[in-house]
Protein backbone atom coordinates (compact mmCIF):
# COMPACT_ATOMS: atom_id res chain seq x y z
CA UNK A 1 68.62 121.98 89.38
CA UNK A 2 72.28 121.66 90.47
CA UNK A 3 72.80 120.10 93.87
CA UNK A 4 74.65 123.11 95.32
CA UNK A 5 71.77 125.40 94.30
CA UNK A 6 69.24 123.05 95.91
CA UNK A 7 71.26 123.10 99.12
CA UNK A 8 71.51 126.88 98.99
CA UNK A 9 67.73 127.25 98.66
CA UNK A 10 66.99 124.65 101.32
CA UNK A 11 69.34 126.28 103.81
CA UNK A 12 67.86 129.70 103.05
CA UNK A 13 64.28 128.49 103.53
CA UNK A 14 65.28 126.79 106.77
CA UNK A 15 66.69 130.11 107.98
CA UNK A 16 63.41 131.80 107.03
CA UNK A 17 61.51 129.08 108.90
CA UNK A 18 63.65 129.41 112.03
CA UNK A 19 64.09 133.19 112.22
CA UNK A 20 60.66 134.39 111.05
CA UNK A 21 56.96 133.56 111.25
CA UNK A 22 56.70 133.32 107.47
CA UNK A 23 55.20 129.85 106.90
CA UNK A 24 57.44 127.20 105.36
CA UNK A 25 55.07 124.27 105.76
CA UNK A 26 53.58 121.24 104.07
CA UNK A 27 55.33 119.80 101.06
CA UNK A 28 57.76 122.71 100.96
CA UNK A 29 58.86 122.01 104.54
CA UNK A 30 59.20 118.32 103.69
CA UNK A 31 61.45 119.22 100.77
CA UNK A 32 63.53 121.61 102.87
CA UNK A 33 64.01 119.04 105.63
CA UNK A 34 65.77 119.58 108.92
CA UNK A 35 68.85 118.49 110.78
CA UNK A 36 71.12 120.25 113.30
CA UNK A 37 73.81 120.39 110.62
CA UNK A 38 71.39 122.08 108.20
CA UNK A 39 70.35 124.64 110.81
CA UNK A 40 74.01 125.33 111.52
CA UNK A 41 74.61 125.86 107.78
CA UNK A 42 71.51 128.06 107.51
CA UNK A 43 73.16 130.64 109.76
CA UNK A 44 75.04 131.81 106.67
CA UNK A 45 71.69 133.08 105.37
CA UNK A 46 70.82 135.16 108.44
CA UNK A 47 71.57 138.36 106.46
CA UNK A 48 69.52 136.87 103.61
CA UNK A 49 66.58 136.73 106.01
CA UNK A 50 67.28 140.43 106.52
CA UNK A 51 66.74 140.88 102.76
CA UNK A 52 63.28 139.37 103.12
CA UNK A 53 62.24 141.12 106.35
CA UNK A 54 63.82 144.44 105.42
CA UNK A 55 62.42 144.26 101.89
CA UNK A 56 58.89 143.62 103.11
CA UNK A 57 59.02 146.35 105.75
CA UNK A 58 60.63 148.81 103.33
CA UNK A 59 58.03 148.12 100.61
CA UNK A 60 55.19 148.43 103.13
CA UNK A 61 56.61 151.73 104.37
CA UNK A 62 56.99 153.05 100.83
CA UNK A 63 53.35 152.26 100.05
CA UNK A 64 52.21 153.99 103.22
CA UNK A 65 54.31 157.06 102.44
CA UNK A 66 52.68 157.26 99.00
CA UNK A 67 49.20 157.09 100.49
CA UNK A 68 49.60 159.41 103.46
CA UNK A 69 49.76 163.22 103.28
CA UNK A 70 53.21 164.71 102.75
CA UNK A 71 55.01 166.03 105.81
CA UNK A 72 53.48 166.38 109.25
CA UNK A 73 53.35 163.21 111.30
CA UNK A 74 53.31 160.85 108.31
CA UNK A 75 56.94 159.66 108.83
CA UNK A 76 56.15 158.90 112.47
CA UNK A 77 53.06 156.89 111.54
CA UNK A 78 54.98 154.96 108.91
CA UNK A 79 57.89 154.33 111.29
CA UNK A 80 55.56 152.94 113.95
CA UNK A 81 53.58 150.72 111.58
CA UNK A 82 56.70 149.53 109.77
CA UNK A 83 58.34 148.60 113.06
CA UNK A 84 55.19 146.75 114.09
CA UNK A 85 55.25 144.79 110.83
CA UNK A 86 58.86 143.81 111.42
CA UNK A 87 57.96 142.52 114.87
CA UNK A 88 55.06 140.53 113.43
CA UNK A 89 57.20 138.98 110.70
CA UNK A 90 59.88 137.83 113.13
CA UNK A 91 57.51 136.98 115.98
CA UNK A 92 59.48 139.36 118.23
CA UNK A 93 62.23 136.72 118.11
CA UNK A 94 65.09 139.19 118.57
CA UNK A 95 63.20 141.48 120.95
CA UNK A 96 62.66 138.45 123.19
CA UNK A 97 66.42 137.88 123.25
CA UNK A 98 66.97 141.53 124.16
CA UNK A 99 64.51 141.26 127.05
CA UNK A 100 66.18 138.10 128.40
CA UNK A 101 69.68 139.57 128.22
CA UNK A 102 68.56 142.81 129.89
CA UNK A 103 66.88 140.85 132.68
CA UNK A 104 69.85 138.55 133.17
CA UNK A 105 72.73 140.99 133.00
CA UNK A 106 70.74 143.80 134.59
CA UNK A 107 69.34 141.62 137.35
CA UNK A 108 72.53 140.04 138.65
CA UNK A 109 76.27 140.66 138.62
CA UNK A 110 76.92 136.96 139.15
CA UNK A 111 77.55 135.10 135.88
CA UNK A 112 75.77 131.87 136.79
CA UNK A 113 72.79 133.67 138.27
CA UNK A 114 72.54 135.87 135.18
CA UNK A 115 72.45 132.80 132.92
CA UNK A 116 69.68 131.29 135.03
CA UNK A 117 67.61 134.49 134.78
CA UNK A 118 68.13 134.60 131.01
CA UNK A 119 66.60 131.13 130.67
CA UNK A 120 63.45 132.22 132.53
CA UNK A 121 60.62 132.82 130.04
CA UNK A 122 59.10 135.52 132.22
CA UNK A 123 59.95 139.15 131.42
CA UNK A 124 61.14 141.31 134.28
CA UNK A 125 61.48 145.06 134.73
CA UNK A 126 64.86 145.33 132.99
CA UNK A 127 63.62 143.35 130.00
CA UNK A 128 60.40 145.31 129.62
CA UNK A 129 62.22 148.63 129.86
CA UNK A 130 64.85 147.51 127.34
CA UNK A 131 62.28 146.44 124.74
CA UNK A 132 60.16 149.59 125.17
CA UNK A 133 63.21 151.84 124.85
CA UNK A 134 64.48 149.89 121.83
CA UNK A 135 61.16 150.20 120.00
CA UNK A 136 60.81 153.88 120.87
CA UNK A 137 64.34 154.58 119.67
CA UNK A 138 63.75 152.73 116.40
CA UNK A 139 60.51 154.56 115.69
CA UNK A 140 62.02 157.95 116.59
CA UNK A 141 65.11 157.52 114.42
CA UNK A 142 63.12 156.18 111.46
CA UNK A 143 60.68 159.08 111.74
CA UNK A 144 63.64 161.47 111.78
CA UNK A 145 65.09 159.86 108.65
CA UNK A 146 61.66 159.93 107.02
CA UNK A 147 61.32 163.64 107.71
CA UNK A 148 64.56 164.18 105.76
CA UNK A 149 63.81 161.80 102.88
CA UNK A 150 61.23 159.09 102.34
CA UNK A 151 63.67 157.22 100.11
CA UNK A 152 66.36 157.36 102.78
CA UNK A 153 63.96 155.94 105.35
CA UNK A 154 63.09 152.98 103.12
CA UNK A 155 66.74 152.36 102.28
CA UNK A 156 67.66 152.50 105.96
CA UNK A 157 65.06 149.87 106.78
CA UNK A 158 66.38 147.50 104.14
CA UNK A 159 70.06 148.05 104.89
CA UNK A 160 69.73 147.91 108.67
CA UNK A 161 67.83 144.62 108.67
CA UNK A 162 70.58 143.02 106.58
CA UNK A 163 73.62 144.55 108.31
CA UNK A 164 72.33 143.92 111.82
CA UNK A 165 71.87 140.23 111.02
CA UNK A 166 75.49 139.93 109.90
CA UNK A 167 77.22 141.01 113.11
CA UNK A 168 75.82 138.22 115.36
CA UNK A 169 77.53 135.63 113.16
CA UNK A 170 80.89 136.96 114.35
CA UNK A 171 79.89 136.06 117.90
CA UNK A 172 79.20 132.50 116.74
CA UNK A 173 82.50 132.37 114.86
CA UNK A 174 84.83 133.77 117.49
CA UNK A 175 83.12 133.36 120.88
CA UNK A 176 82.18 130.18 122.80
CA UNK A 177 78.56 129.31 123.52
CA UNK A 178 77.80 129.35 127.24
CA UNK A 179 74.89 128.19 129.36
CA UNK A 180 72.65 125.21 128.80
CA UNK A 181 73.37 124.48 125.14
CA UNK A 182 71.51 121.16 125.32
CA UNK A 183 68.25 122.88 126.21
CA UNK A 184 68.67 125.87 123.95
CA UNK A 185 66.90 126.58 120.67
CA UNK A 186 70.25 127.86 119.42
CA UNK A 187 72.10 124.61 120.22
CA UNK A 188 72.93 123.88 116.54
CA UNK A 189 74.23 127.46 116.30
CA UNK A 190 76.45 126.98 119.33
CA UNK A 191 79.14 125.33 117.23
CA UNK A 192 81.55 127.64 115.46
CA UNK A 193 80.27 128.80 112.08
CA UNK A 194 82.47 127.73 109.17
CA UNK A 195 84.59 130.32 107.39
CA UNK A 196 82.81 129.55 104.11
CA UNK A 197 79.42 130.16 105.69
CA UNK A 198 80.65 133.43 107.12
CA UNK A 199 81.79 134.39 103.63
CA UNK A 200 78.31 133.69 102.24
CA UNK A 201 76.83 135.93 104.95
CA UNK A 202 79.15 138.80 104.03
CA UNK A 203 78.23 138.39 100.37
CA UNK A 204 74.55 138.73 101.30
CA UNK A 205 75.42 141.90 103.22
CA UNK A 206 77.66 143.45 100.55
CA UNK A 207 75.14 142.74 97.80
CA UNK A 208 72.37 144.49 99.76
CA UNK A 209 74.47 147.62 100.16
CA UNK A 210 75.84 147.65 96.62
CA UNK A 211 72.64 146.79 94.76
CA UNK A 212 70.58 149.42 96.56
CA UNK A 213 73.08 152.13 95.64
CA UNK A 214 73.46 150.86 92.06
CA UNK A 215 69.67 150.72 91.56
CA UNK A 216 69.32 154.38 92.54
CA UNK A 217 72.05 155.41 90.11
CA UNK A 218 70.66 153.23 87.30
CA UNK A 219 67.16 154.63 87.73
CA UNK A 220 68.49 158.20 87.95
CA UNK A 221 67.07 158.60 91.45
CA UNK A 222 70.36 160.11 92.53
CA UNK A 223 72.93 162.00 90.47
CA UNK A 224 76.39 160.45 90.51
CA UNK A 225 78.15 163.81 90.63
CA UNK A 226 76.07 165.46 93.34
CA UNK A 227 74.34 162.82 95.45
CA UNK A 228 76.40 159.64 95.40
CA UNK A 229 79.31 160.74 97.58
CA UNK A 230 77.12 162.13 100.39
CA UNK A 231 75.07 158.92 100.33
CA UNK A 232 78.20 156.77 100.54
CA UNK A 233 79.52 158.90 103.41
CA UNK A 234 76.22 158.52 105.27
CA UNK A 235 76.28 154.77 104.64
CA UNK A 236 79.83 154.58 105.95
CA UNK A 237 78.75 156.43 109.08
CA UNK A 238 75.86 154.00 109.58
CA UNK A 239 78.15 150.99 109.13
CA UNK A 240 80.68 152.50 111.52
CA UNK A 241 78.07 153.08 114.20
CA UNK A 242 76.74 149.55 113.77
CA UNK A 243 80.29 148.15 114.03
CA UNK A 244 80.90 150.19 117.18
CA UNK A 245 77.69 148.84 118.71
CA UNK A 246 78.83 145.31 117.90
CA UNK A 247 82.14 145.99 119.63
CA UNK A 248 80.31 147.16 122.74
CA UNK A 249 78.13 144.05 122.73
CA UNK A 250 81.17 141.81 122.23
CA UNK A 251 82.98 143.37 125.19
CA UNK A 252 79.87 143.25 127.38
CA UNK A 253 79.17 139.58 126.71
CA UNK A 254 82.81 138.59 127.08
CA UNK A 255 83.21 140.51 130.34
CA UNK A 256 79.97 139.32 131.92
CA UNK A 257 79.45 135.85 130.40
CA UNK A 258 82.76 134.86 128.77
CA UNK A 259 80.71 133.78 125.76
CA UNK A 260 77.32 134.09 124.10
CA UNK A 261 73.86 132.56 124.25
CA UNK A 262 71.07 132.57 121.68
CA UNK A 263 69.60 135.59 123.47
CA UNK A 264 72.88 137.44 122.98
CA UNK A 265 72.53 136.98 119.22
CA UNK A 266 69.08 138.58 119.23
CA UNK A 267 70.29 141.41 121.44
CA UNK A 268 73.21 142.11 119.13
CA UNK A 269 70.86 142.27 116.15
CA UNK A 270 68.59 144.76 117.89
CA UNK A 271 71.36 147.03 119.14
CA UNK A 272 73.23 147.02 115.82
CA UNK A 273 70.02 147.83 113.93
CA UNK A 274 69.35 150.84 116.14
CA UNK A 275 72.99 151.94 115.87
CA UNK A 276 72.75 151.80 112.08
CA UNK A 277 69.78 154.20 112.09
CA UNK A 278 71.57 156.48 114.54
CA UNK A 279 74.81 156.49 112.55
CA UNK A 280 72.91 157.27 109.35
CA UNK A 281 71.06 160.15 111.01
CA UNK A 282 74.27 161.59 112.49
CA UNK A 283 76.02 161.38 109.12
CA UNK A 284 73.44 163.42 107.21
């Protein structure tokens, strides 16, 4: 196997190991290895982790939709169970970041005090409310999409998990890490991501969008003349909403913290995922 391909696979598996609960253990973990430099390089595969998580959740949702009765509350049931599976796969890694940021920035207007609160492992009122509202919004929007089209719901799950894991990398690239980097799990990610790694991440993202559309056309699921343009317009709306959400997060973190923490990355992923579902629903 060529060396560059080995490195690609090792960095991808390290990203899976770090960002999910999917086991990369034993001899496989020994082969993958670990170093701060490798973890930093693995950030390029954050959207690739979205392929795995989004693919698993989308496939699980599709199987449930096939087994449950058509119509009624089936999309709501599938949305709830699919969201639960996503949380299990990631170990609520990003939801935890959302809770910490909500507690910190909601609990204090002082920058230093907010950073101290964000490092506290306990979840306060702001954090609990933020996570509950985020999960409710996800389930509601997915159920809405499922009531329109089961295929659209499954596509949205796959696309959103990939796209929402691309935006946080721009924080790493263009914003300084703040807080206690030495004691942070994201310390290796605190250094600016290389332009080449950012390019790899965007390739992961573009391929997810393009291949999903191409597969539908190739399998005659959608007609090029009648269905492709509306789908592309809806996808553009979803991407636009996700980009807008990222802009809001960027401004919020820069205004309040003058930088980002690892929790900010998780928060950005969560908000951009929800915004993608919302933009898709509004574009239909």
